[in-house]
């Protein structure tokens, strides 16, 4: 669970809405520490069937189908399959750590 703006948000709920757009092949949602929100929702996604994915278009879809507190603060688009853990699931922890590390380096 992520806690943002006083709301508890399930990463799976965010991911299901993204998959429902029909534009996303794989995605993972996670929270990163944020000074005022508690956690900011971030997403890493790939395009469906190798089709390029536009982060701005995906965010527009989010604004149409999600309450304001669920809209991701950041969407990172990647190509190819997302990394998996030994159980075959998308490796949420590794991806969130990579994302957080990369964003701290840019600041």
N, C-alpha and C. Protein backbone atom coordinates (compact mmCIF):
# COMPACT_ATOMS: atom_id res chain seq x y z
N UNK A 1 0.83 -1.19 0.00
CA UNK A 1 0.00 0.00 0.00
C UNK A 1 0.87 1.25 0.00
N UNK A 2 0.36 2.26 -0.69
CA UNK A 2 1.02 3.56 -0.70
C UNK A 2 0.09 4.52 0.03
N UNK A 3 0.67 5.46 0.75
CA UNK A 3 -0.15 6.46 1.41
C UNK A 3 0.21 7.82 0.82
N UNK A 4 -0.76 8.42 0.14
CA UNK A 4 -0.53 9.69 -0.52
C UNK A 4 -1.70 10.64 -0.22
N UNK A 5 -1.39 11.84 0.18
CA UNK A 5 -2.41 12.86 0.48
C UNK A 5 -3.45 12.35 1.47
N UNK A 6 -3.05 11.48 2.39
CA UNK A 6 -3.96 10.96 3.39
C UNK A 6 -4.77 9.76 2.93
N UNK A 7 -4.61 9.33 1.70
CA UNK A 7 -5.34 8.18 1.15
C UNK A 7 -4.42 6.97 1.05
N UNK A 8 -5.00 5.80 1.30
CA UNK A 8 -4.27 4.56 1.06
C UNK A 8 -4.63 4.10 -0.35
N UNK A 9 -3.58 3.88 -1.14
CA UNK A 9 -3.79 3.50 -2.54
C UNK A 9 -3.05 2.19 -2.80
N UNK A 10 -3.74 1.26 -3.40
CA UNK A 10 -3.13 -0.01 -3.77
C UNK A 10 -2.39 0.15 -5.10
N UNK A 11 -1.12 -0.25 -5.16
CA UNK A 11 -0.42 -0.20 -6.45
C UNK A 11 -1.15 -1.01 -7.52
N UNK A 12 -1.74 -2.11 -7.13
CA UNK A 12 -2.46 -2.96 -8.07
C UNK A 12 -3.64 -2.21 -8.68
N UNK A 13 -4.32 -1.41 -7.89
CA UNK A 13 -5.46 -0.63 -8.40
C UNK A 13 -5.01 0.36 -9.47
N UNK A 14 -3.89 1.02 -9.24
CA UNK A 14 -3.33 1.95 -10.23
C UNK A 14 -2.95 1.18 -11.50
N UNK A 15 -2.28 0.06 -11.33
CA UNK A 15 -1.84 -0.75 -12.47
C UNK A 15 -3.03 -1.26 -13.29
N UNK A 16 -4.10 -1.69 -12.63
CA UNK A 16 -5.27 -2.19 -13.35
C UNK A 16 -5.89 -1.11 -14.23
N UNK A 17 -5.94 0.12 -13.74
CA UNK A 17 -6.47 1.22 -14.53
C UNK A 17 -5.56 1.48 -15.74
N UNK A 18 -4.25 1.40 -15.53
CA UNK A 18 -3.31 1.61 -16.64
C UNK A 18 -3.46 0.51 -17.69
N UNK A 19 -3.57 -0.74 -17.26
CA UNK A 19 -3.75 -1.84 -18.21
C UNK A 19 -5.07 -1.67 -18.98
N UNK A 20 -6.10 -1.15 -18.32
CA UNK A 20 -7.41 -0.98 -18.97
C UNK A 20 -7.38 0.03 -20.10
N UNK A 21 -6.35 0.87 -20.16
CA UNK A 21 -6.25 1.84 -21.27
C UNK A 21 -5.97 1.13 -22.59
N UNK A 22 -5.41 -0.07 -22.53
CA UNK A 22 -5.06 -0.81 -23.73
C UNK A 22 -3.75 -0.36 -24.36
N UNK A 23 -3.07 0.60 -23.72
CA UNK A 23 -1.81 1.13 -24.26
C UNK A 23 -0.58 0.53 -23.58
N UNK A 24 -0.78 -0.13 -22.46
CA UNK A 24 0.32 -0.59 -21.62
C UNK A 24 0.53 -2.09 -21.75
N UNK A 25 1.79 -2.49 -22.00
CA UNK A 25 2.14 -3.90 -22.02
C UNK A 25 2.40 -4.42 -20.62
N UNK A 26 3.29 -3.73 -19.91
CA UNK A 26 3.60 -4.06 -18.51
C UNK A 26 3.73 -2.74 -17.75
N UNK A 27 3.39 -2.79 -16.48
CA UNK A 27 3.59 -1.59 -15.66
C UNK A 27 3.73 -1.99 -14.20
N UNK A 28 4.32 -1.07 -13.47
CA UNK A 28 4.46 -1.23 -12.03
C UNK A 28 4.27 0.14 -11.41
N UNK A 29 3.48 0.19 -10.35
CA UNK A 29 3.25 1.43 -9.61
C UNK A 29 3.86 1.27 -8.22
N UNK A 30 4.42 2.36 -7.71
CA UNK A 30 5.04 2.33 -6.39
C UNK A 30 5.07 3.74 -5.83
N UNK A 31 5.30 3.85 -4.55
CA UNK A 31 5.39 5.15 -3.90
C UNK A 31 6.83 5.50 -3.58
N UNK A 32 7.16 6.78 -3.74
CA UNK A 32 8.47 7.29 -3.33
C UNK A 32 8.23 8.41 -2.33
N UNK A 33 9.14 8.58 -1.38
CA UNK A 33 8.94 9.61 -0.36
C UNK A 33 8.74 10.99 -0.97
N UNK A 34 7.78 11.74 -0.40
CA UNK A 34 7.48 13.10 -0.86
C UNK A 34 7.23 13.96 0.37
N UNK A 35 7.78 15.16 0.39
CA UNK A 35 7.73 16.04 1.56
C UNK A 35 6.31 16.38 2.00
N UNK A 36 5.40 16.65 1.08
CA UNK A 36 4.05 17.06 1.46
C UNK A 36 2.99 15.99 1.28
N UNK A 37 3.18 15.08 0.33
CA UNK A 37 2.17 14.05 0.06
C UNK A 37 2.32 12.82 0.94
N UNK A 38 3.49 12.63 1.53
CA UNK A 38 3.79 11.37 2.21
C UNK A 38 4.53 10.48 1.24
N UNK A 39 3.82 10.04 0.23
CA UNK A 39 4.43 9.30 -0.88
C UNK A 39 3.83 9.83 -2.19
N UNK A 40 4.67 9.95 -3.20
CA UNK A 40 4.21 10.29 -4.53
C UNK A 40 4.11 8.99 -5.31
N UNK A 41 3.03 8.84 -6.07
CA UNK A 41 2.84 7.64 -6.88
C UNK A 41 3.64 7.79 -8.17
N UNK A 42 4.43 6.78 -8.46
CA UNK A 42 5.24 6.76 -9.68
C UNK A 42 4.95 5.46 -10.42
N UNK A 43 5.12 5.51 -11.73
CA UNK A 43 4.83 4.36 -12.57
C UNK A 43 5.96 4.17 -13.57
N UNK A 44 6.32 2.92 -13.79
CA UNK A 44 7.21 2.54 -14.88
C UNK A 44 6.39 1.62 -15.78
N UNK A 45 6.37 1.93 -17.08
CA UNK A 45 5.51 1.17 -17.99
C UNK A 45 6.21 0.92 -19.33
N UNK A 46 5.73 -0.11 -20.00
CA UNK A 46 6.18 -0.41 -21.37
C UNK A 46 4.96 -0.34 -22.28
N UNK A 47 5.21 -0.12 -23.57
CA UNK A 47 4.13 -0.10 -24.54
C UNK A 47 3.63 -1.51 -24.83
N UNK A 48 2.40 -1.60 -25.25
CA UNK A 48 1.79 -2.89 -25.55
C UNK A 48 2.32 -3.41 -26.89
N UNK A 49 2.74 -4.67 -26.91
CA UNK A 49 3.21 -5.34 -28.13
C UNK A 49 4.32 -4.56 -28.83
N UNK A 50 5.20 -3.93 -28.06
CA UNK A 50 6.33 -3.21 -28.63
C UNK A 50 5.98 -1.85 -29.20
N UNK A 51 4.73 -1.44 -29.10
CA UNK A 51 4.31 -0.12 -29.58
C UNK A 51 4.87 0.95 -28.65
N UNK A 52 5.46 2.02 -29.20
CA UNK A 52 5.97 3.08 -28.34
C UNK A 52 4.85 3.67 -27.47
N UNK A 53 5.20 3.97 -26.24
CA UNK A 53 4.25 4.52 -25.28
C UNK A 53 4.63 5.96 -24.99
N UNK A 54 3.66 6.85 -25.02
CA UNK A 54 3.88 8.26 -24.73
C UNK A 54 3.41 8.53 -23.30
N UNK A 55 4.33 8.97 -22.44
CA UNK A 55 4.01 9.22 -21.03
C UNK A 55 2.93 10.28 -20.89
N UNK A 56 2.96 11.32 -21.71
CA UNK A 56 1.97 12.39 -21.62
C UNK A 56 0.57 11.88 -21.94
N UNK A 57 0.46 11.03 -22.95
CA UNK A 57 -0.85 10.45 -23.30
C UNK A 57 -1.34 9.55 -22.17
N UNK A 58 -0.43 8.78 -21.59
CA UNK A 58 -0.81 7.90 -20.48
C UNK A 58 -1.30 8.72 -19.28
N UNK A 59 -0.62 9.83 -18.99
CA UNK A 59 -1.07 10.70 -17.89
C UNK A 59 -2.43 11.31 -18.18
N UNK A 60 -2.70 11.65 -19.43
CA UNK A 60 -4.02 12.16 -19.80
C UNK A 60 -5.09 11.12 -19.52
N UNK A 61 -4.80 9.87 -19.88
CA UNK A 61 -5.73 8.76 -19.58
C UNK A 61 -5.95 8.64 -18.07
N UNK A 62 -4.88 8.77 -17.30
CA UNK A 62 -4.98 8.69 -15.84
C UNK A 62 -5.92 9.77 -15.31
N UNK A 63 -5.76 10.99 -15.82
CA UNK A 63 -6.60 12.10 -15.37
C UNK A 63 -8.08 11.86 -15.68
N UNK A 64 -8.36 11.12 -16.73
CA UNK A 64 -9.74 10.83 -17.11
C UNK A 64 -10.36 9.70 -16.29
N UNK A 65 -9.52 8.78 -15.80
CA UNK A 65 -10.06 7.58 -15.16
C UNK A 65 -9.71 7.40 -13.69
N UNK A 66 -8.96 8.33 -13.12
CA UNK A 66 -8.54 8.19 -11.73
C UNK A 66 -8.93 9.43 -10.93
N UNK A 67 -9.19 9.24 -9.63
CA UNK A 67 -9.34 10.42 -8.78
C UNK A 67 -7.99 11.15 -8.68
N UNK A 68 -8.01 12.42 -8.39
CA UNK A 68 -6.79 13.25 -8.39
C UNK A 68 -5.68 12.67 -7.52
N UNK A 69 -6.01 12.11 -6.36
CA UNK A 69 -4.98 11.60 -5.47
C UNK A 69 -4.28 10.36 -6.00
N UNK A 70 -4.86 9.69 -7.01
CA UNK A 70 -4.26 8.48 -7.58
C UNK A 70 -3.40 8.75 -8.81
N UNK A 71 -3.48 9.93 -9.37
CA UNK A 71 -2.74 10.23 -10.60
C UNK A 71 -1.24 10.21 -10.31
N UNK A 72 -0.48 9.45 -11.08
CA UNK A 72 0.97 9.37 -10.84
C UNK A 72 1.65 10.73 -10.97
N UNK A 73 2.61 10.96 -10.09
CA UNK A 73 3.42 12.19 -10.16
C UNK A 73 4.45 12.06 -11.27
N UNK A 74 4.81 10.83 -11.61
CA UNK A 74 5.81 10.60 -12.65
C UNK A 74 5.51 9.28 -13.36
N UNK A 75 5.71 9.29 -14.67
CA UNK A 75 5.59 8.08 -15.48
C UNK A 75 6.88 7.94 -16.27
N UNK A 76 7.55 6.82 -16.07
CA UNK A 76 8.77 6.53 -16.84
C UNK A 76 8.44 5.42 -17.83
N UNK A 77 8.75 5.67 -19.08
CA UNK A 77 8.50 4.69 -20.13
C UNK A 77 9.79 3.94 -20.42
N UNK A 78 9.69 2.63 -20.48
CA UNK A 78 10.84 1.78 -20.80
C UNK A 78 10.48 0.88 -21.97
N UNK A 79 11.51 0.39 -22.64
CA UNK A 79 11.30 -0.57 -23.71
C UNK A 79 11.62 -1.96 -23.21
N UNK A 80 11.02 -2.94 -23.83
CA UNK A 80 11.31 -4.32 -23.48
C UNK A 80 10.62 -4.75 -22.21
N UNK A 81 10.79 -5.99 -21.84
CA UNK A 81 10.13 -6.49 -20.63
C UNK A 81 10.76 -5.90 -19.36
N UNK A 82 9.94 -5.71 -18.35
CA UNK A 82 10.42 -5.23 -17.06
C UNK A 82 11.08 -6.40 -16.32
N UNK A 83 12.05 -6.11 -15.45
CA UNK A 83 12.74 -7.19 -14.73
C UNK A 83 11.79 -7.97 -13.81
N UNK A 84 12.10 -9.22 -13.64
CA UNK A 84 11.28 -10.12 -12.82
C UNK A 84 12.06 -10.59 -11.60
N UNK A 85 11.34 -10.91 -10.53
CA UNK A 85 11.97 -11.50 -9.35
C UNK A 85 12.00 -13.02 -9.54
N UNK A 86 12.60 -13.76 -8.63
CA UNK A 86 12.69 -15.22 -8.80
C UNK A 86 11.34 -15.92 -8.93
N UNK A 87 10.26 -15.28 -8.45
CA UNK A 87 8.92 -15.87 -8.56
C UNK A 87 8.25 -15.57 -9.89
N UNK A 88 8.92 -14.80 -10.76
CA UNK A 88 8.36 -14.49 -12.07
C UNK A 88 7.50 -13.24 -12.10
N UNK A 89 7.37 -12.57 -10.96
CA UNK A 89 6.57 -11.34 -10.92
C UNK A 89 7.46 -10.14 -11.24
N UNK A 90 6.85 -9.04 -11.71
CA UNK A 90 7.61 -7.83 -11.97
C UNK A 90 8.28 -7.40 -10.66
N UNK A 91 9.56 -7.10 -10.72
CA UNK A 91 10.35 -6.79 -9.53
C UNK A 91 10.14 -5.33 -9.11
N UNK A 92 9.07 -5.10 -8.37
CA UNK A 92 8.66 -3.77 -7.91
C UNK A 92 9.75 -3.10 -7.08
N UNK A 93 10.37 -3.86 -6.18
CA UNK A 93 11.38 -3.28 -5.29
C UNK A 93 12.59 -2.78 -6.06
N UNK A 94 13.11 -3.59 -6.96
CA UNK A 94 14.26 -3.18 -7.76
C UNK A 94 13.94 -1.96 -8.60
N UNK A 95 12.78 -1.96 -9.24
CA UNK A 95 12.40 -0.84 -10.10
C UNK A 95 12.21 0.44 -9.30
N UNK A 96 11.59 0.35 -8.12
CA UNK A 96 11.38 1.55 -7.31
C UNK A 96 12.71 2.09 -6.78
N UNK A 97 13.63 1.20 -6.44
CA UNK A 97 14.95 1.62 -5.97
C UNK A 97 15.72 2.30 -7.11
N UNK A 98 15.70 1.70 -8.31
CA UNK A 98 16.36 2.31 -9.47
C UNK A 98 15.78 3.69 -9.76
N UNK A 99 14.46 3.80 -9.72
CA UNK A 99 13.78 5.06 -10.01
C UNK A 99 14.17 6.13 -8.99
N UNK A 100 14.13 5.76 -7.71
CA UNK A 100 14.45 6.70 -6.63
C UNK A 100 15.91 7.14 -6.71
N UNK A 101 16.82 6.21 -6.98
CA UNK A 101 18.24 6.51 -7.09
C UNK A 101 18.50 7.46 -8.27
N UNK A 102 17.88 7.17 -9.41
CA UNK A 102 18.08 8.01 -10.61
C UNK A 102 17.56 9.42 -10.37
N UNK A 103 16.42 9.54 -9.70
CA UNK A 103 15.86 10.87 -9.45
C UNK A 103 16.66 11.65 -8.43
N UNK A 104 17.23 10.99 -7.45
CA UNK A 104 18.09 11.69 -6.48
C UNK A 104 19.35 12.17 -7.15
N UNK A 105 19.88 11.40 -8.08
CA UNK A 105 21.10 11.79 -8.80
C UNK A 105 20.87 13.03 -9.68
N UNK A 106 19.64 13.19 -10.19
CA UNK A 106 19.32 14.32 -11.04
C UNK A 106 19.10 15.61 -10.25
N UNK A 107 18.85 15.49 -8.95
CA UNK A 107 18.56 16.68 -8.12
C UNK A 107 19.81 17.38 -7.70
